[in-house]
Amino acid sequence: MTGDASVVLRKSLDEIDNYRKRTVITFGVTAALSQAAWIALIIGVNRADVKTTIVLASLALAMTVFGGVFMLALLIFRVTHRLLKAIEVGVQR
């Protein structure tokens, strides 16, 4: 492998590793917000009317499904992009 290709490959793999660390933090924040929405639903269901309960349930469900699915899709997209770039550099040698 040439020096230039090796540097690009190492940079791509380092970016994947750094992105993984940031993603763990982001997933943690998303999970905490999801749990907070479910706790708000549990607490609010006893004091709220039907309309407010539906809004709280919709918020909790949206935070869980859309937050988790969006974060997972973003993770897969970015890591796949970097891996393909690293493989491309490896093939060009």
C-alpha atoms as a PDB file:
ATOM      1  CA  MET A   1       0.000   0.000   0.000  1.00  0.00           C
ATOM      2  CA  THR A   2       1.367   3.415  -0.822  1.00  0.00           C
ATOM      3  CA  GLY A   3       1.895   5.958   1.908  1.00  0.00           C
ATOM      4  CA  ASP A   4      -0.949   8.160   0.666  1.00  0.00           C
ATOM      5  CA  ALA A   5      -3.449   5.295   0.511  1.00  0.00           C
ATOM      6  CA  SER A   6      -2.384   4.123   3.946  1.00  0.00           C
ATOM      7  CA  VAL A   7      -2.973   7.591   5.383  1.00  0.00           C
ATOM      8  CA  VAL A   8      -6.435   7.830   3.804  1.00  0.00           C
ATOM      9  CA  LEU A   9      -7.324   4.338   5.047  1.00  0.00           C
ATOM     10  CA  ARG A  10      -6.138   5.110   8.587  1.00  0.00           C
ATOM     11  CA  LYS A  11      -8.031   8.423   8.557  1.00  0.00           C
ATOM     12  CA  SER A  12     -11.257   6.715   7.464  1.00  0.00           C
ATOM     13  CA  LEU A  13     -10.958   4.061  10.148  1.00  0.00           C
ATOM     14  CA  ASP A  14     -10.140   6.670  12.811  1.00  0.00           C
ATOM     15  CA  GLU A  15     -13.198   8.689  11.775  1.00  0.00           C
ATOM     16  CA  ILE A  16     -15.364   5.584  12.188  1.00  0.00           C
ATOM     17  CA  ASP A  17     -13.964   5.030  15.669  1.00  0.00           C
ATOM     18  CA  ASN A  18     -14.476   8.675  16.681  1.00  0.00           C
ATOM     19  CA  TYR A  19     -17.973   8.671  15.223  1.00  0.00           C
ATOM     20  CA  ARG A  20     -18.802   5.537  17.199  1.00  0.00           C
ATOM     21  CA  LYS A  21     -17.873   7.288  20.442  1.00  0.00           C
ATOM     22  CA  ARG A  22     -20.043  10.301  19.616  1.00  0.00           C
ATOM     23  CA  THR A  23     -22.891   8.005  18.607  1.00  0.00           C
ATOM     24  CA  VAL A  24     -22.871   6.254  21.965  1.00  0.00           C
ATOM     25  CA  ILE A  25     -23.379   9.623  23.657  1.00  0.00           C
ATOM     26  CA  THR A  26     -26.137  10.589  21.216  1.00  0.00           C
ATOM     27  CA  PHE A  27     -27.908   7.255  21.671  1.00  0.00           C
ATOM     28  CA  GLY A  28     -27.719   7.809  25.434  1.00  0.00           C
ATOM     29  CA  VAL A  29     -29.343  11.230  25.136  1.00  0.00           C
ATOM     30  CA  THR A  30     -32.037   9.836  22.833  1.00  0.00           C
ATOM     31  CA  ALA A  31     -32.747   6.994  25.262  1.00  0.00           C
ATOM     32  CA  ALA A  32     -32.931   9.426  28.182  1.00  0.00           C
ATOM     33  CA  LEU A  33     -35.393  11.657  26.308  1.00  0.00           C
ATOM     34  CA  SER A  34     -37.454   8.624  25.386  1.00  0.00           C
ATOM     35  CA  GLN A  35     -37.574   7.473  28.999  1.00  0.00           C
ATOM     36  CA  ALA A  36     -38.458  10.993  30.138  1.00  0.00           C
ATOM     37  CA  ALA A  37     -41.369  11.046  27.690  1.00  0.00           C
ATOM     38  CA  TRP A  38     -42.653   7.699  29.008  1.00  0.00           C
ATOM     39  CA  ILE A  39     -42.293   8.873  32.619  1.00  0.00           C
ATOM     40  CA  ALA A  40     -44.199  12.053  31.765  1.00  0.00           C
ATOM     41  CA  LEU A  41     -46.942   9.880  30.295  1.00  0.00           C
ATOM     42  CA  ILE A  42     -47.121   7.678  33.392  1.00  0.00           C
ATOM     43  CA  ILE A  43     -47.215  10.653  35.746  1.00  0.00           C
ATOM     44  CA  GLY A  44     -49.559  12.716  33.591  1.00  0.00           C
ATOM     45  CA  VAL A  45     -52.100  10.006  32.868  1.00  0.00           C
ATOM     46  CA  ASN A  46     -53.556  10.252  36.375  1.00  0.00           C
ATOM     47  CA  ARG A  47     -54.034  14.027  36.267  1.00  0.00           C
ATOM     48  CA  ALA A  48     -54.731  14.715  32.598  1.00  0.00           C
ATOM     49  CA  ASP A  49     -57.830  14.559  30.468  1.00  0.00           C
ATOM     50  CA  VAL A  50     -58.101  12.236  27.475  1.00  0.00           C
ATOM     51  CA  LYS A  51     -56.774  14.782  24.969  1.00  0.00           C
ATOM     52  CA  THR A  52     -53.619  15.457  26.985  1.00  0.00           C
ATOM     53  CA  THR A  53     -53.087  11.742  27.552  1.00  0.00           C
ATOM     54  CA  ILE A  54     -53.219  11.114  23.811  1.00  0.00           C
ATOM     55  CA  VAL A  55     -50.678  13.888  23.221  1.00  0.00           C
ATOM     56  CA  LEU A  56     -48.352  12.479  25.895  1.00  0.00           C
ATOM     57  CA  ALA A  57     -48.680   8.956  24.518  1.00  0.00           C
ATOM     58  CA  SER A  58     -47.985  10.184  20.992  1.00  0.00           C
ATOM     59  CA  LEU A  59     -44.909  12.072  22.187  1.00  0.00           C
ATOM     60  CA  ALA A  60     -43.575   9.041  24.048  1.00  0.00           C
ATOM     61  CA  LEU A  61     -44.138   6.740  21.091  1.00  0.00           C
ATOM     62  CA  ALA A  62     -42.607   9.223  18.646  1.00  0.00           C
ATOM     63  CA  MET A  63     -39.519   9.709  20.820  1.00  0.00           C
ATOM     64  CA  THR A  64     -39.026   5.962  21.061  1.00  0.00           C
ATOM     65  CA  VAL A  65     -39.677   4.940  17.483  1.00  0.00           C
ATOM     66  CA  PHE A  66     -38.517   7.899  15.436  1.00  0.00           C
ATOM     67  CA  GLY A  67     -35.593   8.776  17.679  1.00  0.00           C
ATOM     68  CA  GLY A  68     -34.251   5.243  17.808  1.00  0.00           C
ATOM     69  CA  VAL A  69     -34.883   4.380  14.183  1.00  0.00           C
ATOM     70  CA  PHE A  70     -33.471   7.669  12.915  1.00  0.00           C
ATOM     71  CA  MET A  71     -30.339   7.341  15.023  1.00  0.00           C
ATOM     72  CA  LEU A  72     -29.797   3.746  13.911  1.00  0.00           C
ATOM     73  CA  ALA A  73     -30.267   4.594  10.234  1.00  0.00           C
ATOM     74  CA  LEU A  74     -27.863   7.519  10.548  1.00  0.00           C
ATOM     75  CA  LEU A  75     -25.270   5.309  12.223  1.00  0.00           C
ATOM     76  CA  ILE A  76     -25.533   2.625   9.546  1.00  0.00           C
ATOM     77  CA  PHE A  77     -25.320   5.196   6.751  1.00  0.00           C
ATOM     78  CA  ARG A  78     -22.233   6.976   8.056  1.00  0.00           C
ATOM     79  CA  VAL A  79     -20.281   3.887   9.047  1.00  0.00           C
ATOM     80  CA  THR A  80     -21.078   2.166   5.754  1.00  0.00           C
ATOM     81  CA  HIS A  81     -19.958   5.236   3.825  1.00  0.00           C
ATOM     82  CA  ARG A  82     -16.622   5.354   5.643  1.00  0.00           C
ATOM     83  CA  LEU A  83     -16.050   1.609   5.312  1.00  0.00           C
ATOM     84  CA  LEU A  84     -16.734   1.718   1.586  1.00  0.00           C
ATOM     85  CA  LYS A  85     -14.288   4.596   1.258  1.00  0.00           C
ATOM     86  CA  ALA A  86     -11.649   2.583   3.140  1.00  0.00           C
ATOM     87  CA  ILE A  87     -12.280  -0.488   0.972  1.00  0.00           C
ATOM     88  CA  GLU A  88     -12.029   1.617  -2.180  1.00  0.00           C
ATOM     89  CA  VAL A  89      -8.653   2.951  -1.087  1.00  0.00           C
ATOM     90  CA  GLY A  90      -7.511  -0.586  -0.293  1.00  0.00           C
ATOM     91  CA  VAL A  91      -8.540  -1.866  -3.729  1.00  0.00           C
ATOM     92  CA  GLN A  92      -6.752   0.947  -5.574  1.00  0.00           C
ATOM     93  CA  ARG A  93      -3.355  -0.111  -4.294  1.00  0.00           C
END
